[in-house]
Amino acid sequence: MPTKSLALCLVDPANDFQQLLQKDAEEAARRASVSLVVRFSGHDLAAQLKELDAVVASLPRPDAILVLAVRDRGLDRVARSAVKAGLSWAFLNRTEDDVEALRAAAAPGATACVVCADELETGRIQGRQFCVLLARRPGAKVLYVQGSRRSLAARDRTSGMEEAVRGTGLEVVQLEGGWSAVEAKEAVGRWLGVAARGGGRIDLVGCQNDQIALGTLEALADVARALARPDLAQVPVVGCDGTPQLGQRLVREGKLRATVALARSSGQAVELLSRAVTGGPPPPTLTLLKGVSFPAEGGLVALPPA
């Protein structure tokens, strides 16, 4: 019997989290004795659609496609083409496309599913980190830097964080910063420049990914120098994603107080689709994977009183 094949379609080959997605998928494919081809599309939706159309039209076709979507919505047409052609499909991040409808439209033997991080729980973990770190600072103020308010993952993380801090007395100010270090540095720098000149206090900055945290650290240092406010450079920062190469390293170096190490979805998705395309049961429509605090929540230490 010919070896079953899977296509893994990611976005950015330089992104450390996506590098881990590729590594996990390759290891899972070896364990499952299926072949895996990895492709990168870049951050543009049109480019990703073109790349996916090429995969669906290729001969020989893969038996399944695993996709880290550039946007939360917009892949329904190509996903529907894939499943109607007999290819199974897995989203590796949350989507607003209708996965149940894709499953209903799939040809016999094909299926569709989502395997992704539980982003509500990611936000809850971050919120609990805030509460522990600020336990000795009643009425503390948190600047919470989001990636994009249009992003379903960002909205879920925000909702989970708000749930965790509700009733604690923490004041959380939300700021849309973009997902990159460059965007975050600019957005946080602008906000700090106004807030610090007005005498505003900030006890902690929470960031929705570790790239945002990097930009935030640079912004804090820059504004501290510009305003002769060395205290600003000491404001603690919390990140998210928690890869060993970036987030966990920054925590170990003392540059971040904590991060959230996200569960990586690609290995689990390869296992589920490998079973499905070799005659096993179809995967659940939605599989949520929970991250963990780094350091562990029990190892977090409250900041001293302000």
Protein backbone atom coordinates (compact mmCIF):
# COMPACT_ATOMS: atom_id res chain seq x y z
CA MET A 1 0.00 0.00 0.00
CA PRO A 2 1.44 3.45 -0.90
CA THR A 3 2.49 5.65 2.00
CA LYS A 4 -0.12 8.17 3.02
CA SER A 5 0.99 11.78 2.70
CA LEU A 6 0.16 14.99 4.56
CA ALA A 7 0.85 18.63 3.68
CA LEU A 8 1.65 21.04 6.51
CA CYS A 9 1.00 24.65 5.50
CA LEU A 10 2.55 27.22 7.84
CA VAL A 11 3.14 30.97 7.56
CA ASP A 12 6.59 32.15 8.67
CA PRO A 13 9.72 29.95 8.57
CA ALA A 14 11.59 32.41 10.82
CA ASN A 15 9.00 32.28 13.63
CA ASP A 16 10.31 30.17 16.51
CA PHE A 17 6.86 28.84 17.47
CA GLN A 18 6.17 27.73 13.90
CA GLN A 19 9.57 26.09 13.74
CA LEU A 20 8.45 23.99 16.70
CA LEU A 21 5.17 23.22 14.93
CA GLN A 22 7.17 21.91 11.97
CA LYS A 23 9.45 19.84 14.22
CA ASP A 24 6.54 18.32 16.16
CA ALA A 25 4.66 17.49 12.95
CA GLU A 26 7.73 15.83 11.41
CA GLU A 27 8.28 13.71 14.50
CA ALA A 28 4.62 12.68 14.61
CA ALA A 29 4.67 11.81 10.90
CA ARG A 30 7.68 9.54 11.44
CA ARG A 31 5.92 7.77 14.29
CA ALA A 32 2.79 7.32 12.16
CA SER A 33 4.78 6.19 9.09
CA VAL A 34 3.27 8.86 6.85
CA SER A 35 5.12 11.33 4.64
CA LEU A 36 4.96 15.04 5.36
CA VAL A 37 5.62 18.00 3.06
CA VAL A 38 6.00 21.42 4.72
CA ARG A 39 5.16 24.65 2.90
CA PHE A 40 5.20 28.31 3.99
CA SER A 41 2.92 30.96 2.51
CA GLY A 42 3.86 34.22 4.21
CA HIS A 43 1.46 36.45 6.16
CA ASP A 44 -0.80 37.54 3.29
CA LEU A 45 -4.20 35.84 2.99
CA ALA A 46 -4.17 35.96 -0.81
CA ALA A 47 -0.75 34.28 -0.86
CA GLN A 48 -1.96 31.58 1.52
CA LEU A 49 -5.04 30.93 -0.62
CA LYS A 50 -2.84 30.62 -3.71
CA GLU A 51 -0.52 28.20 -1.90
CA LEU A 52 -3.42 26.06 -0.69
CA ASP A 53 -5.08 26.03 -4.11
CA ALA A 54 -1.80 24.70 -5.51
CA VAL A 55 -1.73 21.93 -2.90
CA VAL A 56 -5.31 20.88 -3.66
CA ALA A 57 -4.61 20.87 -7.41
CA SER A 58 -1.28 19.05 -7.16
CA LEU A 59 -0.78 15.53 -8.47
CA PRO A 60 -0.36 13.32 -6.62
CA ARG A 61 -2.49 15.02 -4.00
CA PRO A 62 -1.77 14.66 -0.29
CA ASP A 63 -4.30 12.72 1.75
CA ALA A 64 -4.70 15.58 4.22
CA ILE A 65 -3.79 19.25 4.68
CA LEU A 66 -2.92 20.85 8.01
CA VAL A 67 -3.14 24.65 8.00
CA LEU A 68 -2.06 27.43 10.31
CA ALA A 69 -4.47 30.07 9.02
CA VAL A 70 -3.25 33.62 8.42
CA ARG A 71 -6.67 34.94 9.42
CA ASP A 72 -9.55 33.61 11.50
CA ARG A 73 -11.86 33.58 8.49
CA GLY A 74 -11.33 33.27 4.75
CA LEU A 75 -10.22 29.72 3.95
CA ASP A 76 -13.69 28.20 3.60
CA ARG A 77 -13.64 28.08 -0.22
CA VAL A 78 -10.32 26.27 -0.55
CA ALA A 79 -11.07 24.04 2.44
CA ARG A 80 -14.38 23.05 0.87
CA SER A 81 -12.62 22.27 -2.43
CA ALA A 82 -10.16 20.08 -0.55
CA VAL A 83 -12.67 18.00 1.38
CA LYS A 84 -14.93 17.59 -1.66
CA ALA A 85 -11.89 16.25 -3.53
CA GLY A 86 -11.35 13.67 -0.78
CA LEU A 87 -8.60 15.45 1.18
CA SER A 88 -8.96 15.72 4.94
CA TRP A 89 -8.36 19.13 6.48
CA ALA A 90 -7.18 20.37 9.89
CA PHE A 91 -6.94 23.94 11.16
CA LEU A 92 -4.09 24.39 13.64
CA ASN A 93 -5.56 27.57 15.14
CA ARG A 94 -9.04 28.77 15.97
CA THR A 95 -11.19 29.63 12.99
CA GLU A 96 -14.50 31.33 12.35
CA ASP A 97 -15.01 29.27 9.20
CA ASP A 98 -17.74 26.62 9.62
CA VAL A 99 -15.92 23.34 10.28
CA GLU A 100 -19.13 21.38 10.81
CA ALA A 101 -20.26 22.43 7.32
CA LEU A 102 -16.90 21.29 5.93
CA ARG A 103 -17.34 17.87 7.54
CA ALA A 104 -20.84 17.61 6.05
CA ALA A 105 -19.52 18.50 2.58
CA ALA A 106 -16.57 16.09 2.69
CA ALA A 107 -16.28 13.19 0.26
CA PRO A 108 -16.37 9.68 1.75
CA GLY A 109 -13.21 9.04 3.73
CA ALA A 110 -12.39 12.74 4.16
CA THR A 111 -13.03 14.91 7.20
CA ALA A 112 -12.29 18.31 8.72
CA CYS A 113 -11.34 19.38 12.22
CA VAL A 114 -9.68 22.00 14.40
CA VAL A 115 -6.78 21.12 16.70
CA CYS A 116 -5.61 24.19 18.57
CA ALA A 117 -4.63 25.80 21.84
CA ASP A 118 -7.39 26.48 24.35
CA GLU A 119 -7.02 30.25 24.17
CA LEU A 120 -9.60 30.96 26.88
CA GLU A 121 -7.48 28.87 29.25
CA THR A 122 -4.36 30.67 27.99
CA GLY A 123 -5.95 33.95 29.08
CA ARG A 124 -7.03 32.47 32.43
CA ILE A 125 -3.46 31.34 33.11
CA GLN A 126 -2.14 34.80 32.34
CA GLY A 127 -4.79 36.40 34.52
CA ARG A 128 -3.85 34.12 37.42
CA GLN A 129 -0.20 35.08 36.89
CA PHE A 130 -1.17 38.75 37.23
CA CYS A 131 -3.05 38.03 40.45
CA VAL A 132 -0.16 36.18 42.07
CA LEU A 133 2.49 38.67 40.98
CA LEU A 134 0.43 41.65 42.18
CA ALA A 135 -0.99 40.09 45.35
CA ARG A 136 0.93 42.60 47.52
CA ARG A 137 -0.13 45.62 45.47
CA PRO A 138 -3.83 46.35 46.11
CA GLY A 139 -5.44 48.26 43.25
CA ALA A 140 -2.47 47.58 40.98
CA LYS A 141 -2.63 48.70 37.35
CA VAL A 142 -1.86 46.33 34.45
CA LEU A 143 -1.24 47.40 30.87
CA TYR A 144 -2.52 44.48 28.77
CA VAL A 145 -1.10 44.54 25.24
CA GLN A 146 -3.20 42.59 22.75
CA GLY A 147 -2.08 41.35 19.35
CA SER A 148 -5.17 42.33 17.36
CA ARG A 149 -8.74 42.81 18.50
CA ARG A 150 -9.86 41.29 15.19
CA SER A 151 -8.14 38.03 16.10
CA LEU A 152 -10.26 35.28 17.65
CA ALA A 153 -7.25 34.04 19.63
CA ALA A 154 -6.64 37.54 21.00
CA ARG A 155 -10.30 37.95 21.94
CA ASP A 156 -10.38 34.56 23.67
CA ARG A 157 -7.18 35.31 25.58
CA THR A 158 -8.63 38.63 26.68
CA SER A 159 -11.88 37.01 27.82
CA GLY A 160 -10.01 34.37 29.82
CA MET A 161 -7.80 37.00 31.46
CA GLU A 162 -10.80 39.14 32.37
CA GLU A 163 -12.50 36.11 33.92
CA ALA A 164 -9.43 35.34 36.05
CA VAL A 165 -8.98 38.88 37.41
CA ARG A 166 -12.66 39.69 37.92
CA GLY A 167 -13.33 40.86 41.48
CA THR A 168 -9.63 41.10 42.41
CA GLY A 169 -9.39 44.88 42.32
CA LEU A 170 -6.78 44.90 39.57
CA GLU A 171 -7.18 47.70 37.04
CA VAL A 172 -6.49 46.44 33.51
CA VAL A 173 -5.96 48.88 30.64
CA GLN A 174 -6.11 47.26 27.20
CA LEU A 175 -3.92 48.35 24.28
CA GLU A 176 -3.86 46.92 20.76
CA GLY A 177 -0.21 46.46 19.87
CA GLY A 178 0.04 44.14 16.86
CA TRP A 179 1.70 40.74 17.01
CA SER A 180 5.29 41.77 16.23
CA ALA A 181 8.00 43.28 18.43
CA VAL A 182 8.27 46.30 16.12
CA GLU A 183 4.54 47.07 16.24
CA ALA A 184 4.37 46.54 20.00
CA LYS A 185 7.38 48.77 20.68
CA GLU A 186 5.72 51.62 18.78
CA ALA A 187 2.27 51.19 20.38
CA VAL A 188 3.55 50.75 23.94
CA GLY A 189 6.05 53.60 23.52
CA ARG A 190 3.27 55.99 22.46
CA TRP A 191 1.05 54.93 25.36
CA LEU A 192 3.85 55.15 27.92
CA GLY A 193 4.98 58.54 26.65
CA VAL A 194 1.54 59.98 27.41
CA ALA A 195 0.85 58.06 30.62
CA ALA A 196 4.26 58.68 32.19
CA ARG A 197 4.18 62.40 31.46
CA GLY A 198 0.81 62.54 33.19
CA GLY A 199 2.22 60.87 36.28
CA GLY A 200 0.41 57.60 35.63
CA ARG A 201 1.60 54.46 37.38
CA ILE A 202 1.91 51.02 35.84
CA ASP A 203 2.65 47.95 37.96
CA LEU A 204 2.94 45.28 35.27
CA VAL A 205 2.62 44.82 31.51
CA GLY A 206 0.93 41.65 30.25
CA CYS A 207 1.56 40.73 26.61
CA GLN A 208 -0.36 38.34 24.37
CA ASN A 209 2.82 36.89 22.90
CA ASP A 210 6.55 36.97 23.60
CA GLN A 211 7.31 39.07 20.52
CA ILE A 212 5.03 41.74 21.98
CA ALA A 213 6.91 41.34 25.27
CA LEU A 214 10.22 41.96 23.47
CA GLY A 215 8.89 45.17 21.94
CA THR A 216 7.48 46.20 25.31
CA LEU A 217 10.85 45.76 27.04
CA GLU A 218 12.45 48.00 24.42
CA ALA A 219 9.71 50.62 24.76
CA LEU A 220 10.04 50.68 28.55
CA ALA A 221 13.79 51.18 28.28
CA ASP A 222 13.46 53.91 25.64
CA VAL A 223 10.82 55.92 27.53
CA ALA A 224 12.74 55.51 30.79
CA ARG A 225 15.77 57.14 29.14
CA ALA A 226 13.78 59.84 27.34
CA LEU A 227 11.92 60.96 30.48
CA ALA A 228 14.72 60.27 32.99
CA ARG A 229 12.42 57.78 34.70
CA PRO A 230 14.61 54.73 35.46
CA ASP A 231 11.73 53.15 37.35
CA LEU A 232 9.91 52.55 34.05
CA ALA A 233 12.67 50.22 32.85
CA GLN A 234 12.00 48.07 35.93
CA VAL A 235 8.27 47.53 35.28
CA PRO A 236 7.76 43.73 35.19
CA VAL A 237 6.56 42.15 31.95
CA VAL A 238 4.67 38.89 31.34
CA GLY A 239 4.59 37.20 27.93
CA CYS A 240 2.87 34.32 26.17
CA ASP A 241 3.81 31.47 23.74
CA GLY A 242 6.65 30.24 25.91
CA THR A 243 8.94 28.57 23.41
CA PRO A 244 12.24 27.34 24.87
CA GLN A 245 14.20 29.56 22.49
CA LEU A 246 12.42 32.81 23.35
CA GLY A 247 9.81 33.08 26.11
CA GLN A 248 11.30 30.52 28.48
CA ARG A 249 14.81 31.88 27.85
CA LEU A 250 13.68 35.43 28.66
CA VAL A 251 12.15 34.20 31.92
CA ARG A 252 15.37 32.38 32.85
CA GLU A 253 17.37 35.51 32.07
CA GLY A 254 15.09 37.57 34.33
CA LYS A 255 13.81 39.77 31.52
CA LEU A 256 10.23 38.43 31.81
CA ARG A 257 8.52 37.51 35.06
CA ALA A 258 6.53 34.73 33.42
CA THR A 259 5.12 33.44 30.17
CA VAL A 260 2.50 30.89 29.12
CA ALA A 261 3.93 27.86 27.32
CA LEU A 262 1.30 27.06 24.71
CA ALA A 263 0.51 23.49 23.73
CA ARG A 264 1.58 22.91 20.12
CA SER A 265 -1.17 21.54 17.92
CA SER A 266 0.67 20.12 14.91
CA GLY A 267 1.83 16.81 16.38
CA GLN A 268 -1.62 15.99 17.74
CA ALA A 269 -3.21 16.95 14.41
CA VAL A 270 -0.82 14.71 12.46
CA GLU A 271 -1.65 11.79 14.75
CA LEU A 272 -5.41 12.32 14.41
CA LEU A 273 -5.39 12.73 10.63
CA SER A 274 -2.92 9.88 10.11
CA ARG A 275 -5.35 7.55 11.84
CA ALA A 276 -8.27 8.94 9.85
CA VAL A 277 -6.62 8.59 6.42
CA THR A 278 -5.49 5.02 7.17
CA GLY A 279 -9.01 3.82 7.90
CA GLY A 280 -9.33 4.82 11.53
CA PRO A 281 -12.05 6.94 13.13
CA PRO A 282 -12.45 10.58 12.16
CA PRO A 283 -11.10 13.08 14.70
CA PRO A 284 -13.39 15.19 16.87
CA THR A 285 -14.51 18.43 15.28
CA LEU A 286 -12.61 20.42 17.91
CA THR A 287 -9.64 19.37 20.02
CA LEU A 288 -8.46 21.97 22.55
CA LEU A 289 -4.96 21.73 24.03
CA LYS A 290 -4.12 23.46 27.30
CA GLY A 291 -0.93 25.41 27.93
CA VAL A 292 0.90 25.84 31.24
CA SER A 293 2.44 28.70 33.17
CA PHE A 294 6.21 29.09 32.97
CA PRO A 295 7.37 29.08 35.66
CA ALA A 296 4.65 26.90 37.18
CA GLU A 297 1.92 28.87 38.91
CA GLY A 298 3.03 27.49 42.28
CA GLY A 299 6.52 28.85 41.66
CA LEU A 300 5.48 32.45 41.02
CA VAL A 301 6.54 34.98 43.66
CA ALA A 302 4.58 38.13 44.45
CA LEU A 303 6.25 41.42 43.62
CA PRO A 304 7.15 43.61 46.60
CA PRO A 305 4.73 46.39 47.57
CA ALA A 306 5.05 49.47 45.38
